[in-house]
Amino acid sequence: MTKRAKKEHGDILYKSILTLKDLDECKKFFEDLCTVAELRSMEQRFEVALLLSEGMIYNDILERTGASSATISRVNRSLNYGADGYKHVLPRAKEILKENGQEDL
């Protein structure tokens, strides 16, 4: 498969994700696409990103989430030097938390 064809397949995946209509469809899709371990890992990394963005220190994050220091470091590197994906999503996630009455992470 050419590099272009691989990129197009990736684009199809991401565009397909954007077509999911609600939380239930999204959960079902990711449960089919990913292993339980992969899902838990993504959920953990996202929680770490939220906590880092709130200024929580590594040791407190490690204790709260069980994430390894390597995982916390990797997420921190992505927050600071990544593709800015977290920067788009984290404010939205914080708004969702507020709407659900969970202002404190």
C-alpha atoms as a PDB file:
ATOM      1  CA  MET A   1       0.000   0.000   0.000  1.00  0.00           C
ATOM      2  CA  THR A   2       1.337   3.413  -0.911  1.00  0.00           C
ATOM      3  CA  LYS A   3       1.815   6.196   1.586  1.00  0.00           C
ATOM      4  CA  ARG A   4      -1.029   8.110  -0.075  1.00  0.00           C
ATOM      5  CA  ALA A   5      -3.387   5.139   0.178  1.00  0.00           C
ATOM      6  CA  LYS A   6      -2.537   4.722   3.877  1.00  0.00           C
ATOM      7  CA  LYS A   7      -3.285   8.395   4.496  1.00  0.00           C
ATOM      8  CA  GLU A   8      -6.625   8.072   2.696  1.00  0.00           C
ATOM      9  CA  HIS A   9      -7.547   5.064   4.858  1.00  0.00           C
ATOM     10  CA  GLY A  10      -6.688   7.076   7.962  1.00  0.00           C
ATOM     11  CA  ASP A  11      -8.776   9.967   6.704  1.00  0.00           C
ATOM     12  CA  ILE A  12     -11.718   7.619   6.157  1.00  0.00           C
ATOM     13  CA  LEU A  13     -11.454   6.455   9.754  1.00  0.00           C
ATOM     14  CA  TYR A  14     -11.396   9.996  11.148  1.00  0.00           C
ATOM     15  CA  LYS A  15     -14.188  11.193   8.867  1.00  0.00           C
ATOM     16  CA  SER A  16     -16.248   8.174   9.890  1.00  0.00           C
ATOM     17  CA  ILE A  17     -15.742   9.029  13.561  1.00  0.00           C
ATOM     18  CA  LEU A  18     -17.136  12.482  12.831  1.00  0.00           C
ATOM     19  CA  THR A  19     -20.359  10.854  11.582  1.00  0.00           C
ATOM     20  CA  LEU A  20     -21.172   9.222  14.925  1.00  0.00           C
ATOM     21  CA  LYS A  21     -24.443  10.673  16.135  1.00  0.00           C
ATOM     22  CA  ASP A  22     -24.352  10.281  19.911  1.00  0.00           C
ATOM     23  CA  LEU A  23     -22.468   8.955  22.916  1.00  0.00           C
ATOM     24  CA  ASP A  24     -23.961   5.476  22.576  1.00  0.00           C
ATOM     25  CA  GLU A  25     -22.861   5.145  18.917  1.00  0.00           C
ATOM     26  CA  CYS A  26     -19.425   6.449  19.830  1.00  0.00           C
ATOM     27  CA  LYS A  27     -18.973   3.981  22.700  1.00  0.00           C
ATOM     28  CA  LYS A  28     -20.136   1.043  20.582  1.00  0.00           C
ATOM     29  CA  PHE A  29     -17.824   1.989  17.720  1.00  0.00           C
ATOM     30  CA  PHE A  30     -14.761   2.338  19.933  1.00  0.00           C
ATOM     31  CA  GLU A  31     -15.601  -0.885  21.782  1.00  0.00           C
ATOM     32  CA  ASP A  32     -15.574  -2.662  18.414  1.00  0.00           C
ATOM     33  CA  LEU A  33     -12.483  -0.864  17.136  1.00  0.00           C
ATOM     34  CA  CYS A  34     -10.267  -1.089  20.231  1.00  0.00           C
ATOM     35  CA  THR A  35      -9.369  -3.632  22.846  1.00  0.00           C
ATOM     36  CA  VAL A  36     -10.442  -2.968  26.431  1.00  0.00           C
ATOM     37  CA  ALA A  37      -6.799  -2.220  27.270  1.00  0.00           C
ATOM     38  CA  GLU A  38      -6.510   0.293  24.429  1.00  0.00           C
ATOM     39  CA  LEU A  39      -9.682   2.070  25.536  1.00  0.00           C
ATOM     40  CA  ARG A  40      -8.548   2.235  29.168  1.00  0.00           C
ATOM     41  CA  SER A  41      -5.163   3.538  28.053  1.00  0.00           C
ATOM     42  CA  MET A  42      -6.747   6.321  25.974  1.00  0.00           C
ATOM     43  CA  GLU A  43      -9.128   7.206  28.793  1.00  0.00           C
ATOM     44  CA  GLN A  44      -6.225   7.350  31.244  1.00  0.00           C
ATOM     45  CA  ARG A  45      -4.106   9.542  28.949  1.00  0.00           C
ATOM     46  CA  PHE A  46      -7.031  11.915  28.498  1.00  0.00           C
ATOM     47  CA  GLU A  47      -7.563  12.152  32.264  1.00  0.00           C
ATOM     48  CA  VAL A  48      -3.835  12.845  32.682  1.00  0.00           C
ATOM     49  CA  ALA A  49      -4.070  15.611  30.063  1.00  0.00           C
ATOM     50  CA  LEU A  50      -6.992  17.208  31.908  1.00  0.00           C
ATOM     51  CA  LEU A  51      -5.122  17.091  35.216  1.00  0.00           C
ATOM     52  CA  LEU A  52      -1.881  18.442  33.725  1.00  0.00           C
ATOM     53  CA  SER A  53      -3.808  21.274  32.083  1.00  0.00           C
ATOM     54  CA  GLU A  54      -5.130  22.179  35.538  1.00  0.00           C
ATOM     55  CA  GLY A  55      -1.576  22.361  36.897  1.00  0.00           C
ATOM     56  CA  MET A  56      -1.576  19.150  38.925  1.00  0.00           C
ATOM     57  CA  ILE A  57       1.901  17.764  39.621  1.00  0.00           C
ATOM     58  CA  TYR A  58       3.181  14.382  38.393  1.00  0.00           C
ATOM     59  CA  ASN A  59       3.134  12.620  41.775  1.00  0.00           C
ATOM     60  CA  ASP A  60      -0.478  13.603  42.454  1.00  0.00           C
ATOM     61  CA  ILE A  61      -1.506  12.511  38.951  1.00  0.00           C
ATOM     62  CA  LEU A  62       0.315   9.205  39.373  1.00  0.00           C
ATOM     63  CA  GLU A  63      -1.454   8.589  42.680  1.00  0.00           C
ATOM     64  CA  ARG A  64      -4.872   9.623  41.373  1.00  0.00           C
ATOM     65  CA  THR A  65      -4.827   7.850  37.997  1.00  0.00           C
ATOM     66  CA  GLY A  66      -2.312   5.040  38.360  1.00  0.00           C
ATOM     67  CA  ALA A  67      -0.611   6.264  35.188  1.00  0.00           C
ATOM     68  CA  SER A  68       3.106   5.647  34.969  1.00  0.00           C
ATOM     69  CA  SER A  69       5.536   8.545  35.048  1.00  0.00           C
ATOM     70  CA  ALA A  70       6.392   7.676  31.421  1.00  0.00           C
ATOM     71  CA  THR A  71       2.737   8.064  30.424  1.00  0.00           C
ATOM     72  CA  ILE A  72       2.412  11.340  32.293  1.00  0.00           C
ATOM     73  CA  SER A  73       5.605  12.606  30.667  1.00  0.00           C
ATOM     74  CA  ARG A  74       4.431  11.568  27.203  1.00  0.00           C
ATOM     75  CA  VAL A  75       1.089  13.335  27.662  1.00  0.00           C
ATOM     76  CA  ASN A  76       2.853  16.432  28.976  1.00  0.00           C
ATOM     77  CA  ARG A  77       5.135  16.428  25.929  1.00  0.00           C
ATOM     78  CA  SER A  78       2.072  16.189  23.669  1.00  0.00           C
ATOM     79  CA  LEU A  79       0.398  19.058  25.515  1.00  0.00           C
ATOM     80  CA  ASN A  80       3.444  21.270  25.058  1.00  0.00           C
ATOM     81  CA  TYR A  81       4.893  20.161  21.720  1.00  0.00           C
ATOM     82  CA  GLY A  82       2.215  18.064  20.024  1.00  0.00           C
ATOM     83  CA  ALA A  83      -0.188  18.722  17.172  1.00  0.00           C
ATOM     84  CA  ASP A  84      -2.449  20.907  19.388  1.00  0.00           C
ATOM     85  CA  GLY A  85      -5.223  18.309  19.469  1.00  0.00           C
ATOM     86  CA  TYR A  86      -5.479  18.509  23.249  1.00  0.00           C
ATOM     87  CA  LYS A  87      -5.642  22.304  23.077  1.00  0.00           C
ATOM     88  CA  HIS A  88      -8.814  22.053  20.994  1.00  0.00           C
ATOM     89  CA  VAL A  89     -10.523  19.355  23.037  1.00  0.00           C
ATOM     90  CA  LEU A  90      -9.598  20.074  26.660  1.00  0.00           C
ATOM     91  CA  PRO A  91     -11.606  23.313  26.949  1.00  0.00           C
ATOM     92  CA  ARG A  92     -14.620  21.478  25.524  1.00  0.00           C
ATOM     93  CA  ALA A  93     -14.122  18.602  27.954  1.00  0.00           C
ATOM     94  CA  LYS A  94     -13.936  21.045  30.858  1.00  0.00           C
ATOM     95  CA  GLU A  95     -17.194  22.611  29.697  1.00  0.00           C
ATOM     96  CA  ILE A  96     -18.810  19.156  29.625  1.00  0.00           C
ATOM     97  CA  LEU A  97     -17.576  18.535  33.162  1.00  0.00           C
ATOM     98  CA  LYS A  98     -19.114  21.854  34.290  1.00  0.00           C
ATOM     99  CA  GLU A  99     -22.414  20.988  32.627  1.00  0.00           C
ATOM    100  CA  ASN A 100     -22.405  17.716  34.560  1.00  0.00           C
ATOM    101  CA  GLY A 101     -21.671  19.494  37.836  1.00  0.00           C
ATOM    102  CA  GLN A 102     -18.066  18.275  38.001  1.00  0.00           C
ATOM    103  CA  GLU A 103     -16.120  21.491  38.060  1.00  0.00           C
ATOM    104  CA  ASP A 104     -13.350  19.950  40.142  1.00  0.00           C
ATOM    105  CA  LEU A 105     -11.312  17.353  38.336  1.00  0.00           C
END
